[in-house]
mmCIF file of all heavy atoms, coordinates in Angstrom:
data_MODEL
# 
_entry.id   MODEL 
# 
loop_
_atom_site.group_PDB 
_atom_site.id 
_atom_site.type_symbol 
_atom_site.label_atom_id 
_atom_site.label_alt_id 
_atom_site.label_comp_id 
_atom_site.label_asym_id 
_atom_site.label_entity_id 
_atom_site.label_seq_id 
_atom_site.pdbx_PDB_ins_code 
_atom_site.Cartn_x 
_atom_site.Cartn_y 
_atom_site.Cartn_z 
_atom_site.occupancy 
_atom_site.B_iso_or_equiv 
_atom_site.pdbx_formal_charge 
_atom_site.auth_seq_id 
_atom_site.auth_comp_id 
_atom_site.auth_asym_id 
_atom_site.auth_atom_id 
_atom_site.pdbx_PDB_model_num 
ATOM 1   N N   . ASN A 1 1  ? 84.217 27.282 30.819 1.00 0.00 ? 1  ASN A N   1 
ATOM 2   C CA  . ASN A 1 1  ? 85.025 28.181 31.648 1.00 0.00 ? 1  ASN A CA  1 
ATOM 3   C C   . ASN A 1 1  ? 84.555 28.235 33.104 1.00 0.00 ? 1  ASN A C   1 
ATOM 4   O O   . ASN A 1 1  ? 85.182 28.995 33.908 1.00 0.00 ? 1  ASN A O   1 
ATOM 5   C CB  . ASN A 1 1  ? 84.991 29.588 31.057 1.00 0.00 ? 1  ASN A CB  1 
ATOM 6   C CG  . ASN A 1 1  ? 85.622 29.616 29.692 1.00 0.00 ? 1  ASN A CG  1 
ATOM 7   O OD1 . ASN A 1 1  ? 86.591 28.905 29.446 1.00 0.00 ? 1  ASN A OD1 1 
ATOM 8   N ND2 . ASN A 1 1  ? 85.113 30.428 28.721 1.00 0.00 ? 1  ASN A ND2 1 
ATOM 9   N N   . ALA A 1 2  ? 83.571 27.493 33.516 1.00 0.00 ? 2  ALA A N   1 
ATOM 10  C CA  . ALA A 1 2  ? 83.176 27.426 34.891 1.00 0.00 ? 2  ALA A CA  1 
ATOM 11  C C   . ALA A 1 2  ? 84.239 26.824 35.702 1.00 0.00 ? 2  ALA A C   1 
ATOM 12  O O   . ALA A 1 2  ? 84.983 25.912 35.267 1.00 0.00 ? 2  ALA A O   1 
ATOM 13  C CB  . ALA A 1 2  ? 81.856 26.626 34.969 1.00 0.00 ? 2  ALA A CB  1 
ATOM 14  N N   . LYS A 1 3  ? 84.364 27.232 37.072 1.00 0.00 ? 3  LYS A N   1 
ATOM 15  C CA  . LYS A 1 3  ? 85.344 26.606 37.878 1.00 0.00 ? 3  LYS A CA  1 
ATOM 16  C C   . LYS A 1 3  ? 84.537 25.620 38.877 1.00 0.00 ? 3  LYS A C   1 
ATOM 17  O O   . LYS A 1 3  ? 83.381 25.801 39.156 1.00 0.00 ? 3  LYS A O   1 
ATOM 18  C CB  . LYS A 1 3  ? 85.950 27.725 38.741 1.00 0.00 ? 3  LYS A CB  1 
ATOM 19  C CG  . LYS A 1 3  ? 86.681 28.722 37.987 1.00 0.00 ? 3  LYS A CG  1 
ATOM 20  C CD  . LYS A 1 3  ? 87.969 28.177 37.304 1.00 0.00 ? 3  LYS A CD  1 
ATOM 21  C CE  . LYS A 1 3  ? 88.804 29.326 36.672 1.00 0.00 ? 3  LYS A CE  1 
ATOM 22  N NZ  . LYS A 1 3  ? 89.979 28.745 36.031 1.00 0.00 ? 3  LYS A NZ  1 
ATOM 23  N N   . ILE A 1 4  ? 85.344 24.529 39.236 1.00 0.00 ? 4  ILE A N   1 
ATOM 24  C CA  . ILE A 1 4  ? 84.689 23.452 39.958 1.00 0.00 ? 4  ILE A CA  1 
ATOM 25  C C   . ILE A 1 4  ? 85.573 23.204 41.212 1.00 0.00 ? 4  ILE A C   1 
ATOM 26  O O   . ILE A 1 4  ? 86.702 22.923 40.939 1.00 0.00 ? 4  ILE A O   1 
ATOM 27  C CB  . ILE A 1 4  ? 84.422 22.262 39.176 1.00 0.00 ? 4  ILE A CB  1 
ATOM 28  C CG1 . ILE A 1 4  ? 83.528 22.640 37.917 1.00 0.00 ? 4  ILE A CG1 1 
ATOM 29  C CG2 . ILE A 1 4  ? 83.876 21.061 40.018 1.00 0.00 ? 4  ILE A CG2 1 
ATOM 30  C CD1 . ILE A 1 4  ? 83.359 21.453 36.960 1.00 0.00 ? 4  ILE A CD1 1 
ATOM 31  N N   . ILE A 1 5  ? 84.985 23.205 42.337 1.00 0.00 ? 5  ILE A N   1 
ATOM 32  C CA  . ILE A 1 5  ? 85.770 22.921 43.563 1.00 0.00 ? 5  ILE A CA  1 
ATOM 33  C C   . ILE A 1 5  ? 85.011 21.760 44.189 1.00 0.00 ? 5  ILE A C   1 
ATOM 34  O O   . ILE A 1 5  ? 83.859 21.704 44.488 1.00 0.00 ? 5  ILE A O   1 
ATOM 35  C CB  . ILE A 1 5  ? 85.782 24.097 44.547 1.00 0.00 ? 5  ILE A CB  1 
ATOM 36  C CG1 . ILE A 1 5  ? 86.476 25.224 43.942 1.00 0.00 ? 5  ILE A CG1 1 
ATOM 37  C CG2 . ILE A 1 5  ? 86.330 23.661 45.867 1.00 0.00 ? 5  ILE A CG2 1 
ATOM 38  C CD1 . ILE A 1 5  ? 86.463 26.568 44.794 1.00 0.00 ? 5  ILE A CD1 1 
ATOM 39  N N   . ASP A 1 6  ? 85.797 20.675 44.487 1.00 0.00 ? 6  ASP A N   1 
ATOM 40  C CA  . ASP A 1 6  ? 85.318 19.476 45.163 1.00 0.00 ? 6  ASP A CA  1 
ATOM 41  C C   . ASP A 1 6  ? 85.677 19.556 46.590 1.00 0.00 ? 6  ASP A C   1 
ATOM 42  O O   . ASP A 1 6  ? 86.843 19.522 47.071 1.00 0.00 ? 6  ASP A O   1 
ATOM 43  C CB  . ASP A 1 6  ? 86.104 18.252 44.510 1.00 0.00 ? 6  ASP A CB  1 
ATOM 44  C CG  . ASP A 1 6  ? 85.841 16.942 45.297 1.00 0.00 ? 6  ASP A CG  1 
ATOM 45  O OD1 . ASP A 1 6  ? 84.752 16.843 46.030 1.00 0.00 ? 6  ASP A OD1 1 
ATOM 46  O OD2 . ASP A 1 6  ? 86.604 16.028 45.201 1.00 0.00 ? 6  ASP A OD2 1 
ATOM 47  N N   . ALA A 1 7  ? 84.560 19.778 47.436 1.00 0.00 ? 7  ALA A N   1 
ATOM 48  C CA  . ALA A 1 7  ? 84.747 19.885 48.822 1.00 0.00 ? 7  ALA A CA  1 
ATOM 49  C C   . ALA A 1 7  ? 84.798 18.545 49.427 1.00 0.00 ? 7  ALA A C   1 
ATOM 50  O O   . ALA A 1 7  ? 83.798 17.871 49.383 1.00 0.00 ? 7  ALA A O   1 
ATOM 51  C CB  . ALA A 1 7  ? 83.584 20.677 49.433 1.00 0.00 ? 7  ALA A CB  1 
ATOM 52  N N   . ARG A 1 8  ? 85.941 18.046 49.960 1.00 0.00 ? 8  ARG A N   1 
ATOM 53  C CA  . ARG A 1 8  ? 86.044 16.622 50.436 1.00 0.00 ? 8  ARG A CA  1 
ATOM 54  C C   . ARG A 1 8  ? 86.379 16.666 51.953 1.00 0.00 ? 8  ARG A C   1 
ATOM 55  O O   . ARG A 1 8  ? 87.179 17.431 52.418 1.00 0.00 ? 8  ARG A O   1 
ATOM 56  C CB  . ARG A 1 8  ? 87.096 15.849 49.603 1.00 0.00 ? 8  ARG A CB  1 
ATOM 57  C CG  . ARG A 1 8  ? 87.038 14.400 49.885 1.00 0.00 ? 8  ARG A CG  1 
ATOM 58  C CD  . ARG A 1 8  ? 87.767 13.644 48.895 1.00 0.00 ? 8  ARG A CD  1 
ATOM 59  N NE  . ARG A 1 8  ? 87.302 13.703 47.554 1.00 0.00 ? 8  ARG A NE  1 
ATOM 60  C CZ  . ARG A 1 8  ? 87.714 12.949 46.474 1.00 0.00 ? 8  ARG A CZ  1 
ATOM 61  N NH1 . ARG A 1 8  ? 88.620 11.986 46.727 1.00 0.00 ? 8  ARG A NH1 1 
ATOM 62  N NH2 . ARG A 1 8  ? 87.178 13.070 45.368 1.00 0.00 ? 8  ARG A NH2 1 
ATOM 63  N N   . ARG A 1 9  ? 85.853 15.706 52.607 1.00 0.00 ? 9  ARG A N   1 
ATOM 64  C CA  . ARG A 1 9  ? 86.001 15.530 54.019 1.00 0.00 ? 9  ARG A CA  1 
ATOM 65  C C   . ARG A 1 9  ? 86.395 14.091 54.354 1.00 0.00 ? 9  ARG A C   1 
ATOM 66  O O   . ARG A 1 9  ? 85.962 13.199 53.600 1.00 0.00 ? 9  ARG A O   1 
ATOM 67  C CB  . ARG A 1 9  ? 84.724 16.003 54.789 1.00 0.00 ? 9  ARG A CB  1 
ATOM 68  C CG  . ARG A 1 9  ? 84.856 16.059 56.303 1.00 0.00 ? 9  ARG A CG  1 
ATOM 69  C CD  . ARG A 1 9  ? 83.535 16.468 56.864 1.00 0.00 ? 9  ARG A CD  1 
ATOM 70  N NE  . ARG A 1 9  ? 83.530 16.492 58.294 1.00 0.00 ? 9  ARG A NE  1 
ATOM 71  C CZ  . ARG A 1 9  ? 82.489 16.742 59.053 1.00 0.00 ? 9  ARG A CZ  1 
ATOM 72  N NH1 . ARG A 1 9  ? 81.282 16.955 58.449 1.00 0.00 ? 9  ARG A NH1 1 
ATOM 73  N NH2 . ARG A 1 9  ? 82.543 16.693 60.419 1.00 0.00 ? 9  ARG A NH2 1 
ATOM 74  N N   . ASP A 1 10 ? 87.042 13.888 55.450 1.00 0.00 ? 10 ASP A N   1 
ATOM 75  C CA  . ASP A 1 10 ? 87.369 12.440 55.872 1.00 0.00 ? 10 ASP A CA  1 
ATOM 76  C C   . ASP A 1 10 ? 86.046 11.694 55.728 1.00 0.00 ? 10 ASP A C   1 
ATOM 77  O O   . ASP A 1 10 ? 84.992 12.013 56.186 1.00 0.00 ? 10 ASP A O   1 
ATOM 78  C CB  . ASP A 1 10 ? 87.827 12.535 57.359 1.00 0.00 ? 10 ASP A CB  1 
ATOM 79  C CG  . ASP A 1 10 ? 87.904 11.153 57.939 1.00 0.00 ? 10 ASP A CG  1 
ATOM 80  O OD1 . ASP A 1 10 ? 88.926 10.530 57.731 1.00 0.00 ? 10 ASP A OD1 1 
ATOM 81  O OD2 . ASP A 1 10 ? 86.922 10.682 58.526 1.00 0.00 ? 10 ASP A OD2 1 
ATOM 82  N N   . PRO A 1 11 ? 86.167 10.500 55.152 1.00 0.00 ? 11 PRO A N   1 
ATOM 83  C CA  . PRO A 1 11 ? 84.929 9.690  54.818 1.00 0.00 ? 11 PRO A CA  1 
ATOM 84  C C   . PRO A 1 11 ? 84.160 9.320  56.093 1.00 0.00 ? 11 PRO A C   1 
ATOM 85  O O   . PRO A 1 11 ? 82.969 9.419  56.057 1.00 0.00 ? 11 PRO A O   1 
ATOM 86  C CB  . PRO A 1 11 ? 85.484 8.369  54.176 1.00 0.00 ? 11 PRO A CB  1 
ATOM 87  C CG  . PRO A 1 11 ? 86.969 8.421  54.395 1.00 0.00 ? 11 PRO A CG  1 
ATOM 88  C CD  . PRO A 1 11 ? 87.392 9.837  54.602 1.00 0.00 ? 11 PRO A CD  1 
ATOM 89  N N   . MET A 1 12 ? 84.843 8.938  57.206 1.00 0.00 ? 12 MET A N   1 
ATOM 90  C CA  . MET A 1 12 ? 83.984 8.567  58.401 1.00 0.00 ? 12 MET A CA  1 
ATOM 91  C C   . MET A 1 12 ? 83.282 9.851  58.942 1.00 0.00 ? 12 MET A C   1 
ATOM 92  O O   . MET A 1 12 ? 82.098 9.840  59.377 1.00 0.00 ? 12 MET A O   1 
ATOM 93  C CB  . MET A 1 12 ? 84.870 7.982  59.430 1.00 0.00 ? 12 MET A CB  1 
ATOM 94  C CG  . MET A 1 12 ? 85.396 6.586  59.065 1.00 0.00 ? 12 MET A CG  1 
ATOM 95  S SD  . MET A 1 12 ? 84.136 5.329  58.861 1.00 0.00 ? 12 MET A SD  1 
ATOM 96  C CE  . MET A 1 12 ? 83.605 5.024  60.580 1.00 0.00 ? 12 MET A CE  1 
ATOM 97  N N   . ASP A 1 13 ? 84.031 10.913 59.061 1.00 0.00 ? 13 ASP A N   1 
ATOM 98  C CA  . ASP A 1 13 ? 83.412 12.166 59.582 1.00 0.00 ? 13 ASP A CA  1 
ATOM 99  C C   . ASP A 1 13 ? 82.225 12.599 58.679 1.00 0.00 ? 13 ASP A C   1 
ATOM 100 O O   . ASP A 1 13 ? 81.096 13.003 59.103 1.00 0.00 ? 13 ASP A O   1 
ATOM 101 C CB  . ASP A 1 13 ? 84.454 13.348 59.558 1.00 0.00 ? 13 ASP A CB  1 
ATOM 102 C CG  . ASP A 1 13 ? 85.278 13.247 60.812 1.00 0.00 ? 13 ASP A CG  1 
ATOM 103 O OD1 . ASP A 1 13 ? 84.851 12.792 61.863 1.00 0.00 ? 13 ASP A OD1 1 
ATOM 104 O OD2 . ASP A 1 13 ? 86.415 13.839 60.843 1.00 0.00 ? 13 ASP A OD2 1 
ATOM 105 N N   . CYS A 1 14 ? 82.451 12.682 57.302 1.00 0.00 ? 14 CYS A N   1 
ATOM 106 C CA  . CYS A 1 14 ? 81.509 13.036 56.397 1.00 0.00 ? 14 CYS A CA  1 
ATOM 107 C C   . CYS A 1 14 ? 80.280 12.167 56.414 1.00 0.00 ? 14 CYS A C   1 
ATOM 108 O O   . CYS A 1 14 ? 79.127 12.739 56.614 1.00 0.00 ? 14 CYS A O   1 
ATOM 109 C CB  . CYS A 1 14 ? 82.116 13.048 54.964 1.00 0.00 ? 14 CYS A CB  1 
ATOM 110 S SG  . CYS A 1 14 ? 81.102 13.816 53.728 1.00 0.00 ? 14 CYS A SG  1 
ATOM 111 N N   . CYS A 1 15 ? 80.496 10.844 56.340 1.00 0.00 ? 15 CYS A N   1 
ATOM 112 C CA  . CYS A 1 15 ? 79.279 9.972  56.335 1.00 0.00 ? 15 CYS A CA  1 
ATOM 113 C C   . CYS A 1 15 ? 78.466 10.043 57.602 1.00 0.00 ? 15 CYS A C   1 
ATOM 114 O O   . CYS A 1 15 ? 77.249 9.965  57.541 1.00 0.00 ? 15 CYS A O   1 
ATOM 115 C CB  . CYS A 1 15 ? 79.763 8.562  55.940 1.00 0.00 ? 15 CYS A CB  1 
ATOM 116 S SG  . CYS A 1 15 ? 80.374 8.370  54.331 1.00 0.00 ? 15 CYS A SG  1 
ATOM 117 N N   . PHE A 1 16 ? 79.222 9.922  58.757 1.00 0.00 ? 16 PHE A N   1 
ATOM 118 C CA  . PHE A 1 16 ? 78.416 9.835  59.962 1.00 0.00 ? 16 PHE A CA  1 
ATOM 119 C C   . PHE A 1 16 ? 77.764 11.258 60.225 1.00 0.00 ? 16 PHE A C   1 
ATOM 120 O O   . PHE A 1 16 ? 76.630 11.291 60.707 1.00 0.00 ? 16 PHE A O   1 
ATOM 121 C CB  . PHE A 1 16 ? 79.340 9.580  61.149 1.00 0.00 ? 16 PHE A CB  1 
ATOM 122 C CG  . PHE A 1 16 ? 78.543 9.278  62.403 1.00 0.00 ? 16 PHE A CG  1 
ATOM 123 C CD1 . PHE A 1 16 ? 77.612 8.265  62.406 1.00 0.00 ? 16 PHE A CD1 1 
ATOM 124 C CD2 . PHE A 1 16 ? 78.734 10.023 63.540 1.00 0.00 ? 16 PHE A CD2 1 
ATOM 125 C CE1 . PHE A 1 16 ? 76.835 8.090  63.606 1.00 0.00 ? 16 PHE A CE1 1 
ATOM 126 C CE2 . PHE A 1 16 ? 78.053 9.908  64.683 1.00 0.00 ? 16 PHE A CE2 1 
ATOM 127 C CZ  . PHE A 1 16 ? 77.046 8.828  64.746 1.00 0.00 ? 16 PHE A CZ  1 
ATOM 128 N N   . SER A 1 17 ? 78.262 12.364 59.782 1.00 0.00 ? 17 SER A N   1 
ATOM 129 C CA  . SER A 1 17 ? 77.666 13.576 59.844 1.00 0.00 ? 17 SER A CA  1 
ATOM 130 C C   . SER A 1 17 ? 76.380 13.674 59.074 1.00 0.00 ? 17 SER A C   1 
ATOM 131 O O   . SER A 1 17 ? 75.387 14.176 59.451 1.00 0.00 ? 17 SER A O   1 
ATOM 132 C CB  . SER A 1 17 ? 78.564 14.743 59.511 1.00 0.00 ? 17 SER A CB  1 
ATOM 133 O OG  . SER A 1 17 ? 78.066 16.083 59.650 1.00 0.00 ? 17 SER A OG  1 
ATOM 134 N N   . GLY A 1 18 ? 76.538 13.019 57.809 1.00 0.00 ? 18 GLY A N   1 
ATOM 135 C CA  . GLY A 1 18 ? 75.323 12.931 57.021 1.00 0.00 ? 18 GLY A CA  1 
ATOM 136 C C   . GLY A 1 18 ? 74.170 12.080 57.640 1.00 0.00 ? 18 GLY A C   1 
ATOM 137 O O   . GLY A 1 18 ? 72.955 12.403 57.557 1.00 0.00 ? 18 GLY A O   1 
ATOM 138 N N   . PHE A 1 19 ? 74.607 11.005 58.215 1.00 0.00 ? 19 PHE A N   1 
ATOM 139 C CA  . PHE A 1 19 ? 73.663 10.081 58.845 1.00 0.00 ? 19 PHE A CA  1 
ATOM 140 C C   . PHE A 1 19 ? 72.947 10.721 60.011 1.00 0.00 ? 19 PHE A C   1 
ATOM 141 O O   . PHE A 1 19 ? 71.714 10.461 60.197 1.00 0.00 ? 19 PHE A O   1 
ATOM 142 C CB  . PHE A 1 19 ? 74.420 8.857  59.330 1.00 0.00 ? 19 PHE A CB  1 
ATOM 143 C CG  . PHE A 1 19 ? 73.631 7.811  60.041 1.00 0.00 ? 19 PHE A CG  1 
ATOM 144 C CD1 . PHE A 1 19 ? 72.834 6.899  59.257 1.00 0.00 ? 19 PHE A CD1 1 
ATOM 145 C CD2 . PHE A 1 19 ? 73.647 7.688  61.412 1.00 0.00 ? 19 PHE A CD2 1 
ATOM 146 C CE1 . PHE A 1 19 ? 72.051 5.853  59.972 1.00 0.00 ? 19 PHE A CE1 1 
ATOM 147 C CE2 . PHE A 1 19 ? 72.885 6.710  62.067 1.00 0.00 ? 19 PHE A CE2 1 
ATOM 148 C CZ  . PHE A 1 19 ? 72.155 5.766  61.220 1.00 0.00 ? 19 PHE A CZ  1 
ATOM 149 N N   . LYS A 1 20 ? 73.559 11.656 60.691 1.00 0.00 ? 20 LYS A N   1 
ATOM 150 C CA  . LYS A 1 20 ? 72.962 12.338 61.789 1.00 0.00 ? 20 LYS A CA  1 
ATOM 151 C C   . LYS A 1 20 ? 72.009 13.495 61.328 1.00 0.00 ? 20 LYS A C   1 
ATOM 152 O O   . LYS A 1 20 ? 71.295 14.032 62.197 1.00 0.00 ? 20 LYS A O   1 
ATOM 153 C CB  . LYS A 1 20 ? 74.053 12.934 62.755 1.00 0.00 ? 20 LYS A CB  1 
ATOM 154 C CG  . LYS A 1 20 ? 74.936 11.920 63.429 1.00 0.00 ? 20 LYS A CG  1 
ATOM 155 C CD  . LYS A 1 20 ? 75.754 12.534 64.565 1.00 0.00 ? 20 LYS A CD  1 
ATOM 156 C CE  . LYS A 1 20 ? 76.645 13.624 63.986 1.00 0.00 ? 20 LYS A CE  1 
ATOM 157 N NZ  . LYS A 1 20 ? 77.498 14.266 65.050 1.00 0.00 ? 20 LYS A NZ  1 
ATOM 158 N N   . GLN A 1 21 ? 72.136 13.869 60.076 1.00 0.00 ? 21 GLN A N   1 
ATOM 159 C CA  . GLN A 1 21 ? 71.428 15.047 59.646 1.00 0.00 ? 21 GLN A CA  1 
ATOM 160 C C   . GLN A 1 21 ? 70.137 14.687 58.897 1.00 0.00 ? 21 GLN A C   1 
ATOM 161 O O   . GLN A 1 21 ? 70.152 13.818 58.041 1.00 0.00 ? 21 GLN A O   1 
ATOM 162 C CB  . GLN A 1 21 ? 72.339 15.852 58.680 1.00 0.00 ? 21 GLN A CB  1 
ATOM 163 C CG  . GLN A 1 21 ? 71.661 17.114 58.056 1.00 0.00 ? 21 GLN A CG  1 
ATOM 164 C CD  . GLN A 1 21 ? 71.521 18.144 59.148 1.00 0.00 ? 21 GLN A CD  1 
ATOM 165 O OE1 . GLN A 1 21 ? 72.391 18.409 59.961 1.00 0.00 ? 21 GLN A OE1 1 
ATOM 166 N NE2 . GLN A 1 21 ? 70.361 18.814 59.131 1.00 0.00 ? 21 GLN A NE2 1 
ATOM 167 N N   . LEU A 1 22 ? 69.066 15.238 59.278 1.00 0.00 ? 22 LEU A N   1 
ATOM 168 C CA  . LEU A 1 22 ? 67.768 15.033 58.630 1.00 0.00 ? 22 LEU A CA  1 
ATOM 169 C C   . LEU A 1 22 ? 67.629 16.083 57.568 1.00 0.00 ? 22 LEU A C   1 
ATOM 170 O O   . LEU A 1 22 ? 67.396 17.255 57.853 1.00 0.00 ? 22 LEU A O   1 
ATOM 171 C CB  . LEU A 1 22 ? 66.572 15.074 59.532 1.00 0.00 ? 22 LEU A CB  1 
ATOM 172 C CG  . LEU A 1 22 ? 65.180 14.982 58.990 1.00 0.00 ? 22 LEU A CG  1 
ATOM 173 C CD1 . LEU A 1 22 ? 65.037 13.714 58.251 1.00 0.00 ? 22 LEU A CD1 1 
ATOM 174 C CD2 . LEU A 1 22 ? 64.155 15.144 60.117 1.00 0.00 ? 22 LEU A CD2 1 
ATOM 175 N N   . PHE A 1 23 ? 67.812 15.735 56.318 1.00 0.00 ? 23 PHE A N   1 
ATOM 176 C CA  . PHE A 1 23 ? 67.741 16.733 55.170 1.00 0.00 ? 23 PHE A CA  1 
ATOM 177 C C   . PHE A 1 23 ? 66.329 16.868 54.800 1.00 0.00 ? 23 PHE A C   1 
ATOM 178 O O   . PHE A 1 23 ? 65.553 16.022 54.861 1.00 0.00 ? 23 PHE A O   1 
ATOM 179 C CB  . PHE A 1 23 ? 68.570 16.220 54.025 1.00 0.00 ? 23 PHE A CB  1 
ATOM 180 C CG  . PHE A 1 23 ? 70.085 16.301 54.322 1.00 0.00 ? 23 PHE A CG  1 
ATOM 181 C CD1 . PHE A 1 23 ? 70.735 15.029 54.691 1.00 0.00 ? 23 PHE A CD1 1 
ATOM 182 C CD2 . PHE A 1 23 ? 70.769 17.386 54.189 1.00 0.00 ? 23 PHE A CD2 1 
ATOM 183 C CE1 . PHE A 1 23 ? 72.093 15.071 55.017 1.00 0.00 ? 23 PHE A CE1 1 
ATOM 184 C CE2 . PHE A 1 23 ? 72.198 17.332 54.465 1.00 0.00 ? 23 PHE A CE2 1 
ATOM 185 C CZ  . PHE A 1 23 ? 72.782 16.227 54.886 1.00 0.00 ? 23 PHE A CZ  1 
ATOM 186 N N   . ALA A 1 24 ? 66.045 18.093 54.293 1.00 0.00 ? 24 ALA A N   1 
ATOM 187 C CA  . ALA A 1 24 ? 64.636 18.415 53.850 1.00 0.00 ? 24 ALA A CA  1 
ATOM 188 C C   . ALA A 1 24 ? 64.300 17.562 52.685 1.00 0.00 ? 24 ALA A C   1 
ATOM 189 O O   . ALA A 1 24 ? 63.139 16.920 52.684 1.00 0.00 ? 24 ALA A O   1 
ATOM 190 C CB  . ALA A 1 24 ? 64.485 19.902 53.509 1.00 0.00 ? 24 ALA A CB  1 
ATOM 191 N N   . GLU A 1 25 ? 65.153 17.311 51.737 1.00 0.00 ? 25 GLU A N   1 
ATOM 192 C CA  . GLU A 1 25 ? 64.855 16.532 50.550 1.00 0.00 ? 25 GLU A CA  1 
ATOM 193 C C   . GLU A 1 25 ? 66.019 16.321 49.750 1.00 0.00 ? 25 GLU A C   1 
ATOM 194 O O   . GLU A 1 25 ? 67.094 17.090 49.860 1.00 0.00 ? 25 GLU A O   1 
ATOM 195 C CB  . GLU A 1 25 ? 63.744 17.167 49.658 1.00 0.00 ? 25 GLU A CB  1 
ATOM 196 C CG  . GLU A 1 25 ? 64.055 18.562 49.194 1.00 0.00 ? 25 GLU A CG  1 
ATOM 197 C CD  . GLU A 1 25 ? 62.987 19.207 48.359 1.00 0.00 ? 25 GLU A CD  1 
ATOM 198 O OE1 . GLU A 1 25 ? 61.839 18.628 48.412 1.00 0.00 ? 25 GLU A OE1 1 
ATOM 199 O OE2 . GLU A 1 25 ? 63.291 20.270 47.748 1.00 0.00 ? 25 GLU A OE2 1 
ATOM 200 N N   . GLY A 1 26 ? 66.155 15.315 48.850 1.00 0.00 ? 26 GLY A N   1 
ATOM 201 C CA  . GLY A 1 26 ? 67.168 15.178 47.853 1.00 0.00 ? 26 GLY A CA  1 
ATOM 202 C C   . GLY A 1 26 ? 68.465 14.358 48.296 1.00 0.00 ? 26 GLY A C   1 
ATOM 203 O O   . GLY A 1 26 ? 69.322 14.259 47.517 1.00 0.00 ? 26 GLY A O   1 
ATOM 204 N N   . GLN A 1 27 ? 68.487 13.947 49.576 1.00 0.00 ? 27 GLN A N   1 
ATOM 205 C CA  . GLN A 1 27 ? 69.648 13.385 50.047 1.00 0.00 ? 27 GLN A CA  1 
ATOM 206 C C   . GLN A 1 27 ? 69.276 11.969 50.694 1.00 0.00 ? 27 GLN A C   1 
ATOM 207 O O   . GLN A 1 27 ? 69.719 11.634 51.843 1.00 0.00 ? 27 GLN A O   1 
ATOM 208 C CB  . GLN A 1 27 ? 70.499 14.175 51.052 1.00 0.00 ? 27 GLN A CB  1 
ATOM 209 C CG  . GLN A 1 27 ? 70.714 15.625 50.623 1.00 0.00 ? 27 GLN A CG  1 
ATOM 210 C CD  . GLN A 1 27 ? 71.576 15.767 49.327 1.00 0.00 ? 27 GLN A CD  1 
ATOM 211 O OE1 . GLN A 1 27 ? 72.013 14.725 48.841 1.00 0.00 ? 27 GLN A OE1 1 
ATOM 212 N NE2 . GLN A 1 27 ? 71.906 16.947 48.968 1.00 0.00 ? 27 GLN A NE2 1 
# 
């Protein structure tokens, strides 16, 4: 009965934003 929301963003925006971000761990 849990609800699930898929947060999706334009692939180029999403990927390049991730590339610019230094994550603490796990990514």
